[in-house]
N, C-alpha and C. Protein backbone atom coordinates (compact mmCIF):
# COMPACT_ATOMS: atom_id res chain seq x y z
N MET A 1 -4.58 -10.20 222.89
CA MET A 1 -5.21 -8.92 222.85
C MET A 1 -6.71 -9.14 222.81
N PHE A 2 -7.47 -8.33 223.52
CA PHE A 2 -8.90 -8.46 223.50
C PHE A 2 -9.54 -7.09 223.58
N GLY A 3 -10.79 -7.05 223.22
CA GLY A 3 -11.53 -5.80 223.31
C GLY A 3 -12.91 -6.06 223.84
N ARG A 4 -13.49 -5.08 224.49
CA ARG A 4 -14.85 -5.19 225.01
C ARG A 4 -15.77 -4.53 224.00
N LEU A 5 -16.77 -5.25 223.55
CA LEU A 5 -17.70 -4.75 222.56
C LEU A 5 -19.07 -4.58 223.18
N ILE A 6 -19.67 -3.45 222.98
CA ILE A 6 -21.00 -3.19 223.52
C ILE A 6 -21.99 -3.22 222.37
N THR A 7 -23.05 -3.98 222.51
CA THR A 7 -24.10 -4.05 221.50
C THR A 7 -25.42 -3.67 222.15
N ALA A 8 -26.45 -3.56 221.31
CA ALA A 8 -27.77 -3.24 221.82
C ALA A 8 -28.29 -4.34 222.74
N LEU A 9 -27.80 -5.57 222.56
CA LEU A 9 -28.26 -6.68 223.37
C LEU A 9 -27.41 -6.93 224.60
N GLY A 10 -26.30 -6.24 224.72
CA GLY A 10 -25.44 -6.46 225.88
C GLY A 10 -23.98 -6.38 225.50
N ALA A 11 -23.13 -6.80 226.39
CA ALA A 11 -21.69 -6.73 226.16
C ALA A 11 -21.18 -8.08 225.72
N ILE A 12 -20.23 -8.07 224.82
CA ILE A 12 -19.56 -9.28 224.37
C ILE A 12 -18.07 -9.03 224.49
N MET A 13 -17.34 -9.97 225.05
CA MET A 13 -15.90 -9.88 225.12
C MET A 13 -15.35 -10.71 223.98
N VAL A 14 -14.47 -10.17 223.17
CA VAL A 14 -13.90 -10.87 222.03
C VAL A 14 -12.41 -10.98 222.24
N PHE A 15 -11.88 -12.15 222.00
CA PHE A 15 -10.46 -12.40 222.17
C PHE A 15 -9.85 -12.78 220.83
N ALA A 16 -8.59 -12.50 220.63
CA ALA A 16 -7.90 -12.81 219.39
C ALA A 16 -7.09 -14.08 219.55
N ALA A 17 -6.84 -14.75 218.43
CA ALA A 17 -6.09 -16.01 218.44
C ALA A 17 -4.76 -15.84 217.72
N GLY A 18 -3.78 -16.63 218.11
CA GLY A 18 -2.49 -16.64 217.44
C GLY A 18 -2.50 -17.62 216.29
N LEU A 19 -1.63 -17.40 215.33
CA LEU A 19 -1.53 -18.26 214.16
C LEU A 19 -0.15 -18.89 214.08
N PRO A 20 -0.04 -20.02 213.40
CA PRO A 20 1.25 -20.67 213.25
C PRO A 20 2.12 -19.95 212.23
N SER A 21 3.39 -20.26 212.29
CA SER A 21 4.30 -19.76 211.27
C SER A 21 4.01 -20.49 209.96
N THR A 22 4.30 -19.83 208.86
CA THR A 22 4.12 -20.45 207.56
C THR A 22 5.33 -21.32 207.27
N ALA A 23 5.32 -21.93 206.09
CA ALA A 23 6.44 -22.77 205.69
C ALA A 23 7.73 -21.97 205.67
N ALA A 24 7.62 -20.68 205.42
CA ALA A 24 8.80 -19.83 205.39
C ALA A 24 9.22 -19.39 206.80
N GLU A 25 8.57 -19.95 207.84
CA GLU A 25 8.87 -19.62 209.23
C GLU A 25 8.68 -18.12 209.49
N GLN A 26 7.71 -17.55 208.83
CA GLN A 26 7.38 -16.15 209.01
C GLN A 26 6.70 -15.95 210.36
N SER A 27 7.07 -14.88 211.03
CA SER A 27 6.44 -14.55 212.31
C SER A 27 5.14 -13.81 212.02
N LEU A 28 4.04 -14.32 212.57
CA LEU A 28 2.74 -13.72 212.31
C LEU A 28 2.21 -13.02 213.55
N PRO A 29 1.51 -11.92 213.36
CA PRO A 29 0.90 -11.23 214.51
C PRO A 29 -0.37 -11.96 214.93
N ASN A 30 -0.84 -11.67 216.12
CA ASN A 30 -2.17 -12.15 216.51
C ASN A 30 -3.19 -11.35 215.73
N PRO A 31 -4.27 -12.00 215.29
CA PRO A 31 -5.30 -11.22 214.60
C PRO A 31 -6.03 -10.32 215.59
N ASN A 32 -6.37 -9.15 215.15
CA ASN A 32 -7.20 -8.22 215.91
C ASN A 32 -8.63 -8.42 215.43
N ILE A 33 -9.51 -8.80 216.31
CA ILE A 33 -10.89 -9.08 215.93
C ILE A 33 -11.78 -7.96 216.42
N GLU A 34 -12.62 -7.45 215.52
CA GLU A 34 -13.53 -6.37 215.86
C GLU A 34 -14.94 -6.71 215.40
N LEU A 35 -15.90 -6.34 216.21
CA LEU A 35 -17.30 -6.49 215.83
C LEU A 35 -17.63 -5.43 214.79
N LEU A 36 -18.14 -5.86 213.63
CA LEU A 36 -18.55 -4.92 212.59
C LEU A 36 -19.97 -4.43 212.82
N ASN A 37 -20.87 -5.40 213.03
CA ASN A 37 -22.27 -5.04 213.21
C ASN A 37 -23.06 -6.27 213.62
N THR A 38 -24.31 -6.03 213.90
CA THR A 38 -25.27 -7.11 214.11
C THR A 38 -26.36 -6.93 213.08
N GLU A 39 -26.98 -8.02 212.69
CA GLU A 39 -28.06 -7.93 211.71
C GLU A 39 -29.06 -9.04 211.96
N ALA A 40 -30.31 -8.71 211.72
CA ALA A 40 -31.37 -9.72 211.83
C ALA A 40 -31.47 -10.45 210.50
N TYR A 41 -31.71 -11.76 210.58
CA TYR A 41 -31.97 -12.52 209.36
C TYR A 41 -32.84 -13.72 209.71
N SER A 42 -33.48 -14.26 208.69
CA SER A 42 -34.39 -15.39 208.89
C SER A 42 -34.01 -16.54 207.97
N THR A 43 -34.24 -17.74 208.46
CA THR A 43 -34.11 -18.95 207.66
C THR A 43 -35.37 -19.77 207.88
N SER A 44 -35.42 -20.92 207.27
CA SER A 44 -36.57 -21.80 207.49
C SER A 44 -36.60 -22.31 208.93
N GLU A 45 -35.49 -22.17 209.64
CA GLU A 45 -35.39 -22.63 211.02
C GLU A 45 -35.75 -21.55 212.04
N GLY A 46 -35.96 -20.30 211.59
CA GLY A 46 -36.36 -19.25 212.51
C GLY A 46 -35.66 -17.94 212.25
N LYS A 47 -35.81 -17.03 213.21
CA LYS A 47 -35.21 -15.70 213.13
C LYS A 47 -33.98 -15.65 214.03
N PHE A 48 -32.95 -14.96 213.55
CA PHE A 48 -31.67 -14.92 214.25
C PHE A 48 -31.09 -13.51 214.24
N ILE A 49 -30.14 -13.28 215.14
CA ILE A 49 -29.29 -12.09 215.12
C ILE A 49 -27.87 -12.58 214.84
N ARG A 50 -27.29 -12.05 213.78
CA ARG A 50 -25.93 -12.44 213.38
C ARG A 50 -24.96 -11.37 213.86
N TYR A 51 -23.86 -11.81 214.46
CA TYR A 51 -22.78 -10.95 214.93
C TYR A 51 -21.63 -11.11 213.94
N ARG A 52 -21.34 -10.05 213.18
CA ARG A 52 -20.31 -10.08 212.14
C ARG A 52 -19.02 -9.46 212.66
N PHE A 53 -17.91 -10.14 212.35
CA PHE A 53 -16.58 -9.70 212.80
C PHE A 53 -15.64 -9.50 211.63
N ASP A 54 -14.62 -8.73 211.87
CA ASP A 54 -13.55 -8.50 210.91
C ASP A 54 -12.22 -8.69 211.63
N VAL A 55 -11.21 -9.01 210.87
CA VAL A 55 -9.84 -9.06 211.37
C VAL A 55 -9.11 -7.93 210.62
N PRO A 56 -9.03 -6.73 211.21
CA PRO A 56 -8.47 -5.58 210.51
C PRO A 56 -7.04 -5.79 210.00
N ASN A 57 -6.26 -6.62 210.67
CA ASN A 57 -4.88 -6.84 210.20
C ASN A 57 -4.78 -8.10 209.33
N LYS A 58 -5.85 -8.45 208.64
CA LYS A 58 -5.90 -9.67 207.83
C LYS A 58 -4.83 -9.71 206.74
N THR A 59 -4.38 -8.55 206.26
CA THR A 59 -3.36 -8.55 205.21
C THR A 59 -2.00 -9.00 205.73
N SER A 60 -1.86 -9.15 207.04
CA SER A 60 -0.61 -9.63 207.63
C SER A 60 -0.46 -11.15 207.54
N PHE A 61 -1.53 -11.84 207.15
CA PHE A 61 -1.51 -13.30 207.14
C PHE A 61 -1.28 -13.83 205.74
N PRO A 62 -0.39 -14.81 205.60
CA PRO A 62 -0.06 -15.33 204.27
C PRO A 62 -1.22 -16.12 203.66
N ALA A 63 -1.34 -16.00 202.37
CA ALA A 63 -2.41 -16.68 201.63
C ALA A 63 -2.32 -18.20 201.76
N ASP A 64 -1.12 -18.76 201.97
CA ASP A 64 -1.00 -20.22 202.02
C ASP A 64 -1.76 -20.85 203.18
N LEU A 65 -2.08 -20.06 204.21
CA LEU A 65 -2.89 -20.60 205.31
C LEU A 65 -4.31 -20.90 204.87
N PHE A 66 -4.73 -20.34 203.74
CA PHE A 66 -6.11 -20.47 203.29
C PHE A 66 -6.25 -21.13 201.93
N LEU A 67 -5.18 -21.74 201.45
CA LEU A 67 -5.25 -22.43 200.17
C LEU A 67 -6.18 -23.63 200.24
N ALA A 68 -6.84 -23.92 199.12
CA ALA A 68 -7.62 -25.14 199.02
C ALA A 68 -6.67 -26.31 199.24
N SER A 69 -7.12 -27.29 200.02
CA SER A 69 -6.26 -28.41 200.39
C SER A 69 -6.96 -29.74 200.14
N PRO A 70 -7.07 -30.14 198.86
CA PRO A 70 -7.76 -31.39 198.55
C PRO A 70 -7.07 -32.63 199.10
N GLY A 71 -5.80 -32.51 199.50
CA GLY A 71 -5.08 -33.62 200.09
C GLY A 71 -5.41 -33.85 201.56
N LEU A 72 -6.13 -32.92 202.16
CA LEU A 72 -6.54 -33.04 203.55
C LEU A 72 -8.00 -33.49 203.60
N PRO A 73 -8.46 -34.02 204.72
CA PRO A 73 -9.86 -34.46 204.81
C PRO A 73 -10.82 -33.34 204.43
N PRO A 74 -11.92 -33.70 203.76
CA PRO A 74 -12.89 -32.69 203.32
C PRO A 74 -13.70 -32.13 204.48
N CYS A 75 -14.37 -31.06 204.18
CA CYS A 75 -15.33 -30.45 205.10
C CYS A 75 -16.71 -30.80 204.53
N GLY A 76 -17.33 -31.79 205.08
CA GLY A 76 -18.59 -32.28 204.49
C GLY A 76 -18.32 -32.80 203.10
N THR A 77 -19.00 -32.24 202.11
CA THR A 77 -18.78 -32.66 200.72
C THR A 77 -17.78 -31.77 200.00
N ASN A 78 -17.22 -30.78 200.68
CA ASN A 78 -16.26 -29.86 200.08
C ASN A 78 -14.86 -30.47 200.13
N ALA A 79 -14.45 -31.07 199.01
CA ALA A 79 -13.13 -31.70 198.94
C ALA A 79 -12.01 -30.68 198.79
N ASN A 80 -12.34 -29.42 198.55
CA ASN A 80 -11.33 -28.37 198.40
C ASN A 80 -11.36 -27.40 199.58
N ALA A 81 -11.69 -27.90 200.76
CA ALA A 81 -11.71 -27.05 201.95
C ALA A 81 -10.33 -26.45 202.17
N SER A 82 -10.29 -25.34 202.85
CA SER A 82 -9.02 -24.64 203.03
C SER A 82 -8.12 -25.34 204.05
N ARG A 83 -6.86 -24.99 203.99
CA ARG A 83 -5.87 -25.56 204.90
C ARG A 83 -6.21 -25.25 206.35
N SER A 84 -6.61 -24.01 206.63
CA SER A 84 -6.93 -23.60 208.00
C SER A 84 -8.43 -23.38 208.15
N TRP A 85 -8.98 -23.94 209.20
CA TRP A 85 -10.39 -23.75 209.52
C TRP A 85 -10.48 -22.81 210.71
N VAL A 86 -11.50 -21.97 210.71
CA VAL A 86 -11.71 -20.99 211.78
C VAL A 86 -13.04 -21.31 212.45
N ASP A 87 -13.01 -21.50 213.75
CA ASP A 87 -14.23 -21.76 214.51
C ASP A 87 -14.42 -20.67 215.56
N VAL A 88 -15.68 -20.36 215.84
CA VAL A 88 -16.05 -19.39 216.88
C VAL A 88 -16.67 -20.17 218.02
N PHE A 89 -16.20 -19.93 219.24
CA PHE A 89 -16.69 -20.62 220.43
C PHE A 89 -17.17 -19.60 221.46
N ASP A 90 -18.10 -20.02 222.32
CA ASP A 90 -18.45 -19.18 223.47
C ASP A 90 -17.47 -19.47 224.59
N ALA A 91 -17.60 -18.75 225.70
CA ALA A 91 -16.65 -18.87 226.81
C ALA A 91 -16.62 -20.27 227.41
N LYS A 92 -17.71 -21.03 227.28
CA LYS A 92 -17.78 -22.39 227.82
C LYS A 92 -17.16 -23.42 226.88
N GLY A 93 -16.71 -22.98 225.70
CA GLY A 93 -16.12 -23.90 224.73
C GLY A 93 -17.12 -24.53 223.78
N THR A 94 -18.34 -24.03 223.77
CA THR A 94 -19.34 -24.53 222.83
C THR A 94 -19.12 -23.87 221.47
N ARG A 95 -18.99 -24.69 220.44
CA ARG A 95 -18.77 -24.17 219.10
C ARG A 95 -20.05 -23.49 218.62
N LEU A 96 -19.93 -22.24 218.20
CA LEU A 96 -21.06 -21.47 217.73
C LEU A 96 -21.20 -21.52 216.21
N TYR A 97 -20.06 -21.51 215.52
CA TYR A 97 -20.08 -21.58 214.07
C TYR A 97 -18.66 -21.81 213.58
N GLY A 98 -18.53 -22.25 212.34
CA GLY A 98 -17.21 -22.50 211.80
C GLY A 98 -17.11 -22.20 210.32
N PHE A 99 -15.88 -22.02 209.88
CA PHE A 99 -15.59 -21.69 208.50
C PHE A 99 -14.49 -22.62 208.00
N CYS A 100 -14.80 -23.44 207.01
CA CYS A 100 -13.82 -24.40 206.52
C CYS A 100 -13.40 -24.13 205.08
N ALA A 101 -13.87 -23.04 204.52
CA ALA A 101 -13.55 -22.78 203.12
C ALA A 101 -13.19 -21.32 202.87
N LEU A 102 -12.59 -20.66 203.86
CA LEU A 102 -12.10 -19.32 203.59
C LEU A 102 -10.97 -19.44 202.58
N GLY A 103 -11.03 -18.68 201.50
CA GLY A 103 -10.08 -18.85 200.41
C GLY A 103 -8.89 -17.91 200.45
N SER A 104 -8.93 -16.93 201.33
CA SER A 104 -7.83 -15.98 201.42
C SER A 104 -7.92 -15.23 202.73
N PRO A 105 -6.83 -14.56 203.12
CA PRO A 105 -6.90 -13.74 204.33
C PRO A 105 -7.96 -12.65 204.24
N ALA A 106 -8.24 -12.16 203.04
CA ALA A 106 -9.24 -11.11 202.87
C ALA A 106 -10.61 -11.56 203.37
N GLU A 107 -10.88 -12.86 203.35
CA GLU A 107 -12.17 -13.37 203.79
C GLU A 107 -12.30 -13.42 205.31
N LEU A 108 -11.26 -13.04 206.03
CA LEU A 108 -11.37 -12.93 207.48
C LEU A 108 -12.28 -11.78 207.89
N ASP A 109 -12.78 -11.03 206.91
CA ASP A 109 -13.75 -9.98 207.22
C ASP A 109 -15.18 -10.52 207.24
N SER A 110 -15.33 -11.84 207.13
CA SER A 110 -16.67 -12.42 207.05
C SER A 110 -16.93 -13.46 208.13
N ILE A 111 -16.24 -13.36 209.24
CA ILE A 111 -16.46 -14.28 210.36
C ILE A 111 -17.70 -13.84 211.12
N TRP A 112 -18.53 -14.80 211.51
CA TRP A 112 -19.76 -14.45 212.23
C TRP A 112 -20.27 -15.65 213.02
N PHE A 113 -21.20 -15.35 213.91
CA PHE A 113 -22.00 -16.37 214.57
C PHE A 113 -23.37 -15.77 214.79
N ALA A 114 -24.34 -16.60 215.09
CA ALA A 114 -25.70 -16.10 215.26
C ALA A 114 -26.35 -16.74 216.48
N VAL A 115 -27.30 -16.02 217.04
CA VAL A 115 -28.12 -16.53 218.14
C VAL A 115 -29.58 -16.32 217.76
N PRO A 116 -30.47 -17.16 218.26
CA PRO A 116 -31.89 -16.96 217.97
C PRO A 116 -32.35 -15.58 218.44
N GLU A 117 -33.20 -14.97 217.65
CA GLU A 117 -33.73 -13.65 218.02
C GLU A 117 -34.38 -13.72 219.39
N GLY A 118 -34.05 -12.77 220.26
CA GLY A 118 -34.58 -12.73 221.61
C GLY A 118 -33.73 -13.45 222.63
N ALA A 119 -32.80 -14.29 222.18
CA ALA A 119 -31.89 -15.00 223.10
C ALA A 119 -30.71 -14.09 223.41
N PRO A 120 -30.19 -14.18 224.63
CA PRO A 120 -29.02 -13.34 224.95
C PRO A 120 -27.78 -13.85 224.21
N PRO A 121 -26.92 -12.94 223.78
CA PRO A 121 -25.66 -13.38 223.15
C PRO A 121 -24.74 -13.94 224.22
N PRO A 122 -23.74 -14.71 223.84
CA PRO A 122 -22.77 -15.19 224.83
C PRO A 122 -22.03 -14.01 225.44
N SER A 123 -21.61 -14.18 226.68
CA SER A 123 -20.90 -13.11 227.36
C SER A 123 -19.48 -12.94 226.83
N ALA A 124 -18.94 -13.98 226.23
CA ALA A 124 -17.59 -13.93 225.66
C ALA A 124 -17.51 -14.92 224.52
N VAL A 125 -16.71 -14.59 223.54
CA VAL A 125 -16.44 -15.50 222.43
C VAL A 125 -14.94 -15.51 222.15
N TYR A 126 -14.48 -16.58 221.52
CA TYR A 126 -13.10 -16.63 221.04
C TYR A 126 -13.09 -17.41 219.74
N ILE A 127 -12.01 -17.24 219.00
CA ILE A 127 -11.85 -18.02 217.78
C ILE A 127 -10.72 -19.01 217.96
N GLU A 128 -10.80 -20.06 217.18
CA GLU A 128 -9.73 -21.05 217.11
C GLU A 128 -9.42 -21.27 215.65
N ILE A 129 -8.16 -21.15 215.30
CA ILE A 129 -7.71 -21.40 213.94
C ILE A 129 -6.94 -22.70 213.95
N TRP A 130 -7.40 -23.64 213.15
CA TRP A 130 -6.78 -24.97 213.08
C TRP A 130 -6.04 -25.08 211.76
N ASP A 131 -4.72 -25.06 211.83
CA ASP A 131 -3.89 -25.29 210.65
C ASP A 131 -3.85 -26.80 210.46
N ARG A 132 -4.65 -27.28 209.55
CA ARG A 132 -4.79 -28.73 209.37
C ARG A 132 -3.54 -29.37 208.78
N LEU A 133 -2.71 -28.59 208.11
CA LEU A 133 -1.48 -29.13 207.53
C LEU A 133 -0.50 -29.53 208.62
N THR A 134 -0.41 -28.72 209.67
CA THR A 134 0.51 -29.01 210.77
C THR A 134 -0.21 -29.62 211.97
N ASN A 135 -1.53 -29.70 211.89
CA ASN A 135 -2.39 -30.22 212.96
C ASN A 135 -2.20 -29.44 214.27
N LYS A 136 -2.00 -28.15 214.12
CA LYS A 136 -1.88 -27.28 215.29
C LYS A 136 -3.12 -26.42 215.40
N ARG A 137 -3.54 -26.18 216.64
CA ARG A 137 -4.69 -25.31 216.90
C ARG A 137 -4.20 -24.08 217.65
N TYR A 138 -4.68 -22.96 217.21
CA TYR A 138 -4.30 -21.68 217.79
C TYR A 138 -5.59 -20.98 218.21
N ARG A 139 -5.68 -20.69 219.49
CA ARG A 139 -6.91 -20.07 219.97
C ARG A 139 -6.58 -18.90 220.88
N SER A 140 -7.56 -18.10 221.03
CA SER A 140 -7.39 -16.94 221.89
C SER A 140 -7.25 -17.38 223.34
N ASN A 141 -6.76 -16.47 224.17
CA ASN A 141 -6.58 -16.79 225.60
C ASN A 141 -7.91 -16.74 226.31
């Protein structure tokens, strides 16, 4: 499932990704991804426009996909990174940003990526969810 999102800077196509079954072999829906807003912000590295997304059906996903997993390789110095990591890519497959410590499905309302202020946003983005426990990757079409 995908949706066309129109922003002040142009159009972005967003695609949804599928998720693996849980240990209980539960059938999971594809997440529906929606653009919440854009916002300007600054860091010591410059000024950026952040594109914030939500997964409105996030309550459909089991919490065990986001449990801290100290038995799996860490994310940098975070030894309690979550079981599933979420990455945002542009249409060319370039990773724009990633999340390795989402603690629950409720935190799927905080997915984002940013581009330098004045730069055009990517024409399309997709997410990839990597269930590190099963070593399966689920990405949008």
